[in-house]
């Protein structure tokens, strides 16, 4: 499920939105956000433009200009920001779980992917920018981080391949060289009738949709 991996771009967007929440009300320059969070300025400006286009951010020109959130940060969740950059929170390839149609012994697999999406929503749609700024996270987060198992990876990590560029705390910066190595191609999952591809897995990817069909909910 590509959407379970938060892209570097989405991480930058969330951190930029949190900086705006921390300094509001009022405008904050892109330069200040970039310096505070170690985000490349040109990349950050593109992110802020996307957030503005989706109505989460307002920009002001002129002396003392900059950016501010379009509404109360207590009403903006991490999920709201991530969807702008990465699209749906959980996908199987390019499709939402509800668009899949398995048959035979794998018929119940779609329900598993639906449950995974629900758990992701339970966290990202419940945590607001204000809560992160204050460090006052809801029980849906703290109940999990209190578990020791939550901090232990369940996959063997090759020290020569991790961390990738752009990961906070490791001095990396986002760049073309930081793109993950493309793995082998696999056959697509079976789709429900008239399933429409959602956002591509790459950050900032296009959002194809069937002509005349309504935009699928995220």
C-alpha atoms as a PDB file:
ATOM      1  CA  UNK A   1       0.000   0.000   0.000  1.00  0.00           C
ATOM      2  CA  UNK A   2       1.914   3.000  -1.272  1.00  0.00           C
ATOM      3  CA  UNK A   3      -0.149   5.535   0.711  1.00  0.00           C
ATOM      4  CA  UNK A   4       1.061   4.054   4.037  1.00  0.00           C
ATOM      5  CA  UNK A   5       4.487   5.523   3.325  1.00  0.00           C
ATOM      6  CA  UNK A   6       4.485   9.228   4.088  1.00  0.00           C
ATOM      7  CA  UNK A   7       6.548  10.907   1.385  1.00  0.00           C
ATOM      8  CA  UNK A   8       9.306  13.382   2.184  1.00  0.00           C
ATOM      9  CA  UNK A   9       7.210  16.039   0.468  1.00  0.00           C
ATOM     10  CA  UNK A  10       4.208  15.316   2.701  1.00  0.00           C
ATOM     11  CA  UNK A  11       6.446  15.368   5.779  1.00  0.00           C
ATOM     12  CA  UNK A  12       7.727  18.789   4.725  1.00  0.00           C
ATOM     13  CA  UNK A  13       4.160  19.982   4.160  1.00  0.00           C
ATOM     14  CA  UNK A  14       3.020  18.843   7.606  1.00  0.00           C
ATOM     15  CA  UNK A  15       6.002  20.488   9.284  1.00  0.00           C
ATOM     16  CA  UNK A  16       5.420  23.725   7.358  1.00  0.00           C
ATOM     17  CA  UNK A  17       1.755  23.747   8.390  1.00  0.00           C
ATOM     18  CA  UNK A  18       2.749  23.148  12.023  1.00  0.00           C
ATOM     19  CA  UNK A  19       5.157  26.102  11.857  1.00  0.00           C
ATOM     20  CA  UNK A  20       2.338  28.289  10.546  1.00  0.00           C
ATOM     21  CA  UNK A  21       0.099  27.069  13.365  1.00  0.00           C
ATOM     22  CA  UNK A  22       2.790  27.806  15.953  1.00  0.00           C
ATOM     23  CA  UNK A  23       3.322  31.381  14.761  1.00  0.00           C
ATOM     24  CA  UNK A  24      -0.280  32.350  13.985  1.00  0.00           C
ATOM     25  CA  UNK A  25      -2.307  34.387  13.814  1.00  0.00           C
ATOM     26  CA  UNK A  26      -0.277  36.414  11.377  1.00  0.00           C
ATOM     27  CA  UNK A  27       1.995  35.745   8.452  1.00  0.00           C
ATOM     28  CA  UNK A  28       5.219  33.762   8.396  1.00  0.00           C
ATOM     29  CA  UNK A  29       7.757  33.964   5.576  1.00  0.00           C
ATOM     30  CA  UNK A  30       8.720  30.895   3.591  1.00  0.00           C
ATOM     31  CA  UNK A  31      12.346  31.689   4.445  1.00  0.00           C
ATOM     32  CA  UNK A  32      11.612  31.461   8.168  1.00  0.00           C
ATOM     33  CA  UNK A  33       9.780  28.155   7.781  1.00  0.00           C
ATOM     34  CA  UNK A  34      12.574  26.737   5.642  1.00  0.00           C
ATOM     35  CA  UNK A  35      15.279  27.764   8.094  1.00  0.00           C
ATOM     36  CA  UNK A  36      13.320  26.515  11.119  1.00  0.00           C
ATOM     37  CA  UNK A  37      12.626  23.100   9.607  1.00  0.00           C
ATOM     38  CA  UNK A  38      15.623  22.701   7.290  1.00  0.00           C
ATOM     39  CA  UNK A  39      13.428  22.542   4.195  1.00  0.00           C
ATOM     40  CA  UNK A  40      14.884  23.641   0.821  1.00  0.00           C
ATOM     41  CA  UNK A  41      13.257  26.990  -0.009  1.00  0.00           C
ATOM     42  CA  UNK A  42      12.314  26.313  -3.637  1.00  0.00           C
ATOM     43  CA  UNK A  43      10.796  22.971  -2.716  1.00  0.00           C
ATOM     44  CA  UNK A  44       8.948  24.578   0.193  1.00  0.00           C
ATOM     45  CA  UNK A  45       7.497  27.308  -2.020  1.00  0.00           C
ATOM     46  CA  UNK A  46       6.016  24.667  -4.317  1.00  0.00           C
ATOM     47  CA  UNK A  47       4.495  22.887  -1.317  1.00  0.00           C
ATOM     48  CA  UNK A  48       2.971  26.096   0.050  1.00  0.00           C
ATOM     49  CA  UNK A  49       1.531  26.816  -3.392  1.00  0.00           C
ATOM     50  CA  UNK A  50      -0.207  23.420  -3.374  1.00  0.00           C
ATOM     51  CA  UNK A  51      -1.569  23.998   0.125  1.00  0.00           C
ATOM     52  CA  UNK A  52      -2.818  27.395  -0.999  1.00  0.00           C
ATOM     53  CA  UNK A  53      -4.517  25.923  -4.068  1.00  0.00           C
ATOM     54  CA  UNK A  54      -6.388  23.470  -1.837  1.00  0.00           C
ATOM     55  CA  UNK A  55      -7.529  26.225   0.533  1.00  0.00           C
ATOM     56  CA  UNK A  56      -5.402  25.350   3.552  1.00  0.00           C
ATOM     57  CA  UNK A  57      -3.017  28.311   3.285  1.00  0.00           C
ATOM     58  CA  UNK A  58      -3.339  32.005   2.432  1.00  0.00           C
ATOM     59  CA  UNK A  59      -0.481  34.089   1.020  1.00  0.00           C
ATOM     60  CA  UNK A  60       0.142  37.825   1.412  1.00  0.00           C
ATOM     61  CA  UNK A  61       2.448  39.883  -0.791  1.00  0.00           C
ATOM     62  CA  UNK A  62       4.423  42.993   0.006  1.00  0.00           C
ATOM     63  CA  UNK A  63       6.391  44.124   3.043  1.00  0.00           C
ATOM     64  CA  UNK A  64       5.635  41.877   5.979  1.00  0.00           C
ATOM     65  CA  UNK A  65       3.967  39.397   3.662  1.00  0.00           C
ATOM     66  CA  UNK A  66       4.165  35.657   3.869  1.00  0.00           C
ATOM     67  CA  UNK A  67       1.846  32.766   4.566  1.00  0.00           C
ATOM     68  CA  UNK A  68      -0.773  31.895   7.152  1.00  0.00           C
ATOM     69  CA  UNK A  69      -3.302  29.139   7.642  1.00  0.00           C
ATOM     70  CA  UNK A  70      -6.676  29.675   6.018  1.00  0.00           C
ATOM     71  CA  UNK A  71      -8.558  28.510   9.103  1.00  0.00           C
ATOM     72  CA  UNK A  72      -8.160  27.670  12.766  1.00  0.00           C
ATOM     73  CA  UNK A  73      -5.273  25.158  13.118  1.00  0.00           C
ATOM     74  CA  UNK A  74      -7.390  23.246  15.590  1.00  0.00           C
ATOM     75  CA  UNK A  75      -9.654  22.282  12.686  1.00  0.00           C
ATOM     76  CA  UNK A  76      -6.866  21.213  10.312  1.00  0.00           C
ATOM     77  CA  UNK A  77      -5.690  17.637  10.750  1.00  0.00           C
ATOM     78  CA  UNK A  78      -2.498  15.977   9.609  1.00  0.00           C
ATOM     79  CA  UNK A  79      -4.650  13.920   7.259  1.00  0.00           C
ATOM     80  CA  UNK A  80      -5.932  17.105   5.599  1.00  0.00           C
ATOM     81  CA  UNK A  81      -2.386  18.173   4.777  1.00  0.00           C
ATOM     82  CA  UNK A  82      -1.113  14.762   3.700  1.00  0.00           C
ATOM     83  CA  UNK A  83      -4.030  14.240   1.300  1.00  0.00           C
ATOM     84  CA  UNK A  84      -3.136  17.466  -0.528  1.00  0.00           C
ATOM     85  CA  UNK A  85       0.378  16.206  -1.200  1.00  0.00           C
ATOM     86  CA  UNK A  86       0.130  12.407  -1.354  1.00  0.00           C
ATOM     87  CA  UNK A  87      -3.520  11.861  -2.204  1.00  0.00           C
ATOM     88  CA  UNK A  88      -5.571   9.150  -0.421  1.00  0.00           C
ATOM     89  CA  UNK A  89      -4.075   7.961   2.851  1.00  0.00           C
ATOM     90  CA  UNK A  90      -4.077   4.291   1.829  1.00  0.00           C
ATOM     91  CA  UNK A  91      -3.815   2.771  -1.625  1.00  0.00           C
ATOM     92  CA  UNK A  92      -3.103  -0.567  -3.211  1.00  0.00           C
ATOM     93  CA  UNK A  93      -1.002   0.483  -6.161  1.00  0.00           C
ATOM     94  CA  UNK A  94      -2.873   3.403  -7.711  1.00  0.00           C
ATOM     95  CA  UNK A  95      -6.284   2.424  -6.313  1.00  0.00           C
ATOM     96  CA  UNK A  96      -8.217   2.962  -3.112  1.00  0.00           C
ATOM     97  CA  UNK A  97      -9.039  -0.235  -1.172  1.00  0.00           C
ATOM     98  CA  UNK A  98     -12.771   0.173  -1.833  1.00  0.00           C
ATOM     99  CA  UNK A  99     -12.102   0.079  -5.581  1.00  0.00           C
ATOM    100  CA  UNK A 100     -10.678  -3.451  -5.476  1.00  0.00           C
ATOM    101  CA  UNK A 101     -12.603  -6.630  -6.241  1.00  0.00           C
ATOM    102  CA  UNK A 102     -10.849  -9.860  -5.250  1.00  0.00           C
ATOM    103  CA  UNK A 103     -12.307 -13.279  -5.975  1.00  0.00           C
ATOM    104  CA  UNK A 104     -11.909 -16.806  -4.720  1.00  0.00           C
ATOM    105  CA  UNK A 105      -9.704 -17.385  -1.696  1.00  0.00           C
ATOM    106  CA  UNK A 106      -8.585 -13.736  -1.631  1.00  0.00           C
ATOM    107  CA  UNK A 107     -12.101 -12.252  -1.601  1.00  0.00           C
ATOM    108  CA  UNK A 108     -11.824 -11.164   2.061  1.00  0.00           C
ATOM    109  CA  UNK A 109      -8.491  -9.414   1.461  1.00  0.00           C
ATOM    110  CA  UNK A 110     -10.204  -6.180   0.463  1.00  0.00           C
ATOM    111  CA  UNK A 111     -11.753  -5.976   3.943  1.00  0.00           C
ATOM    112  CA  UNK A 112      -8.265  -6.149   5.451  1.00  0.00           C
ATOM    113  CA  UNK A 113      -7.096  -3.207   3.319  1.00  0.00           C
ATOM    114  CA  UNK A 114     -10.246  -1.280   4.254  1.00  0.00           C
ATOM    115  CA  UNK A 115      -9.475  -1.894   7.944  1.00  0.00           C
ATOM    116  CA  UNK A 116      -5.900  -0.701   7.462  1.00  0.00           C
ATOM    117  CA  UNK A 117      -7.179   2.522   5.894  1.00  0.00           C
ATOM    118  CA  UNK A 118      -9.596   2.981   8.780  1.00  0.00           C
ATOM    119  CA  UNK A 119      -6.789   2.685  11.344  1.00  0.00           C
ATOM    120  CA  UNK A 120      -4.663   5.202   9.447  1.00  0.00           C
ATOM    121  CA  UNK A 121      -7.602   7.610   9.368  1.00  0.00           C
ATOM    122  CA  UNK A 122      -8.180   7.075  13.098  1.00  0.00           C
ATOM    123  CA  UNK A 123      -4.772   8.617  13.743  1.00  0.00           C
ATOM    124  CA  UNK A 124      -4.166  11.175  10.999  1.00  0.00           C
ATOM    125  CA  UNK A 125      -7.732  12.528  10.962  1.00  0.00           C
ATOM    126  CA  UNK A 126      -7.807  12.879  14.751  1.00  0.00           C
ATOM    127  CA  UNK A 127      -4.563  14.812  15.254  1.00  0.00           C
ATOM    128  CA  UNK A 128      -4.783  18.546  14.600  1.00  0.00           C
ATOM    129  CA  UNK A 129      -1.968  21.007  13.980  1.00  0.00           C
ATOM    130  CA  UNK A 130      -2.741  22.683  17.301  1.00  0.00           C
ATOM    131  CA  UNK A 131      -2.375  19.413  19.191  1.00  0.00           C
ATOM    132  CA  UNK A 132       1.068  18.828  17.692  1.00  0.00           C
ATOM    133  CA  UNK A 133       2.181  22.391  18.495  1.00  0.00           C
ATOM    134  CA  UNK A 134       1.090  21.972  22.112  1.00  0.00           C
ATOM    135  CA  UNK A 135       2.394  18.425  22.372  1.00  0.00           C
ATOM    136  CA  UNK A 136      -1.056  17.442  23.592  1.00  0.00           C
ATOM    137  CA  UNK A 137      -1.715  14.402  21.460  1.00  0.00           C
ATOM    138  CA  UNK A 138      -5.001  12.462  21.663  1.00  0.00           C
ATOM    139  CA  UNK A 139      -5.292   8.980  23.204  1.00  0.00           C
ATOM    140  CA  UNK A 140      -5.419   7.365  19.756  1.00  0.00           C
ATOM    141  CA  UNK A 141      -1.721   8.319  19.526  1.00  0.00           C
ATOM    142  CA  UNK A 142      -0.510   8.127  23.125  1.00  0.00           C
ATOM    143  CA  UNK A 143      -2.102   4.740  23.751  1.00  0.00           C
ATOM    144  CA  UNK A 144       0.015   3.323  20.927  1.00  0.00           C
ATOM    145  CA  UNK A 145       3.286   5.146  21.619  1.00  0.00           C
ATOM    146  CA  UNK A 146       3.083   3.891  25.210  1.00  0.00           C
ATOM    147  CA  UNK A 147       3.554   0.358  23.871  1.00  0.00           C
ATOM    148  CA  UNK A 148       7.164  -0.716  23.609  1.00  0.00           C
ATOM    149  CA  UNK A 149       6.395  -2.780  20.530  1.00  0.00           C
ATOM    150  CA  UNK A 150       5.339   0.379  18.689  1.00  0.00           C
ATOM    151  CA  UNK A 151       8.961   1.584  18.653  1.00  0.00           C
ATOM    152  CA  UNK A 152      10.471  -1.657  17.406  1.00  0.00           C
ATOM    153  CA  UNK A 153      10.780  -2.154  13.627  1.00  0.00           C
ATOM    154  CA  UNK A 154       9.587  -5.484  12.248  1.00  0.00           C
ATOM    155  CA  UNK A 155      11.728  -5.414   9.147  1.00  0.00           C
ATOM    156  CA  UNK A 156      15.467  -5.851   8.843  1.00  0.00           C
ATOM    157  CA  UNK A 157      16.994  -2.580   7.684  1.00  0.00           C
ATOM    158  CA  UNK A 158      20.193  -2.522   5.652  1.00  0.00           C
ATOM    159  CA  UNK A 159      22.401   0.156   7.277  1.00  0.00           C
ATOM    160  CA  UNK A 160      23.878   0.925   3.849  1.00  0.00           C
ATOM    161  CA  UNK A 161      20.452   1.890   2.483  1.00  0.00           C
ATOM    162  CA  UNK A 162      19.017   3.801   5.446  1.00  0.00           C
ATOM    163  CA  UNK A 163      18.295   6.527   6.255  1.00  0.00           C
ATOM    164  CA  UNK A 164      17.276   7.956   2.900  1.00  0.00           C
ATOM    165  CA  UNK A 165      17.963  11.546   1.991  1.00  0.00           C
ATOM    166  CA  UNK A 166      15.470  14.000   3.418  1.00  0.00           C
ATOM    167  CA  UNK A 167      14.781  12.077   6.621  1.00  0.00           C
ATOM    168  CA  UNK A 168      14.592  14.539   9.535  1.00  0.00           C
ATOM    169  CA  UNK A 169      17.387  14.323  12.059  1.00  0.00           C
ATOM    170  CA  UNK A 170      19.941  12.815   9.714  1.00  0.00           C
ATOM    171  CA  UNK A 171      21.139  15.922   7.903  1.00  0.00           C
ATOM    172  CA  UNK A 172      19.734  14.766   4.590  1.00  0.00           C
ATOM    173  CA  UNK A 173      18.030  17.046   2.127  1.00  0.00           C
ATOM    174  CA  UNK A 174      15.489  16.174  -0.477  1.00  0.00           C
ATOM    175  CA  UNK A 175      16.831  15.687  -3.940  1.00  0.00           C
ATOM    176  CA  UNK A 176      16.559  13.580  -7.049  1.00  0.00           C
ATOM    177  CA  UNK A 177      19.282  11.294  -5.717  1.00  0.00           C
ATOM    178  CA  UNK A 178      17.105  10.528  -2.683  1.00  0.00           C
ATOM    179  CA  UNK A 179      14.431   8.762  -4.698  1.00  0.00           C
ATOM    180  CA  UNK A 180      13.804   5.198  -3.631  1.00  0.00           C
ATOM    181  CA  UNK A 181      15.069   2.500  -5.952  1.00  0.00           C
ATOM    182  CA  UNK A 182      12.243   1.188  -8.063  1.00  0.00           C
ATOM    183  CA  UNK A 183      11.422  -2.408  -7.296  1.00  0.00           C
ATOM    184  CA  UNK A 184      10.293  -5.129  -9.694  1.00  0.00           C
ATOM    185  CA  UNK A 185       6.975  -4.744 -11.423  1.00  0.00           C
ATOM    186  CA  UNK A 186       4.082  -6.851 -10.194  1.00  0.00           C
ATOM    187  CA  UNK A 187       0.705  -7.539 -11.725  1.00  0.00           C
ATOM    188  CA  UNK A 188      -1.993  -5.105 -10.624  1.00  0.00           C
ATOM    189  CA  UNK A 189      -4.574  -6.015  -8.034  1.00  0.00           C
ATOM    190  CA  UNK A 190      -8.014  -6.904  -9.429  1.00  0.00           C
ATOM    191  CA  UNK A 191     -10.328  -3.914  -9.564  1.00  0.00           C
ATOM    192  CA  UNK A 192     -13.986  -3.341  -8.983  1.00  0.00           C
ATOM    193  CA  UNK A 193     -16.080  -2.316 -11.977  1.00  0.00           C
ATOM    194  CA  UNK A 194     -15.316   1.209 -13.246  1.00  0.00           C
ATOM    195  CA  UNK A 195     -12.552   1.747 -10.693  1.00  0.00           C
ATOM    196  CA  UNK A 196     -10.758   5.038 -11.250  1.00  0.00           C
ATOM    197  CA  UNK A 197      -7.036   5.354 -10.438  1.00  0.00           C
ATOM    198  CA  UNK A 198      -6.303   7.699  -7.554  1.00  0.00           C
ATOM    199  CA  UNK A 199      -3.184   9.820  -7.136  1.00  0.00           C
ATOM    200  CA  UNK A 200      -0.002   8.184  -8.345  1.00  0.00           C
ATOM    201  CA  UNK A 201       2.426   7.043  -5.653  1.00  0.00           C
ATOM    202  CA  UNK A 202       5.083   9.571  -6.530  1.00  0.00           C
ATOM    203  CA  UNK A 203       4.826  12.885  -4.588  1.00  0.00           C
ATOM    204  CA  UNK A 204       3.034  15.486  -6.645  1.00  0.00           C
ATOM    205  CA  UNK A 205       1.840  12.892  -9.127  1.00  0.00           C
ATOM    206  CA  UNK A 206      -1.087  13.501 -11.425  1.00  0.00           C
ATOM    207  CA  UNK A 207      -4.598  12.572 -10.400  1.00  0.00           C
ATOM    208  CA  UNK A 208      -6.158  10.707 -13.336  1.00  0.00           C
ATOM    209  CA  UNK A 209      -9.920  10.340 -13.407  1.00  0.00           C
ATOM    210  CA  UNK A 210     -12.446   8.959 -15.829  1.00  0.00           C
ATOM    211  CA  UNK A 211     -14.123  11.651 -17.892  1.00  0.00           C
ATOM    212  CA  UNK A 212     -17.567  12.516 -16.643  1.00  0.00           C
ATOM    213  CA  UNK A 213     -17.092  10.540 -13.426  1.00  0.00           C
ATOM    214  CA  UNK A 214     -17.211  12.319 -10.072  1.00  0.00           C
ATOM    215  CA  UNK A 215     -13.947  12.646  -8.148  1.00  0.00           C
ATOM    216  CA  UNK A 216     -13.722   9.628  -5.802  1.00  0.00           C
ATOM    217  CA  UNK A 217     -13.748  10.443  -2.084  1.00  0.00           C
ATOM    218  CA  UNK A 218     -10.473  10.181  -0.233  1.00  0.00           C
END
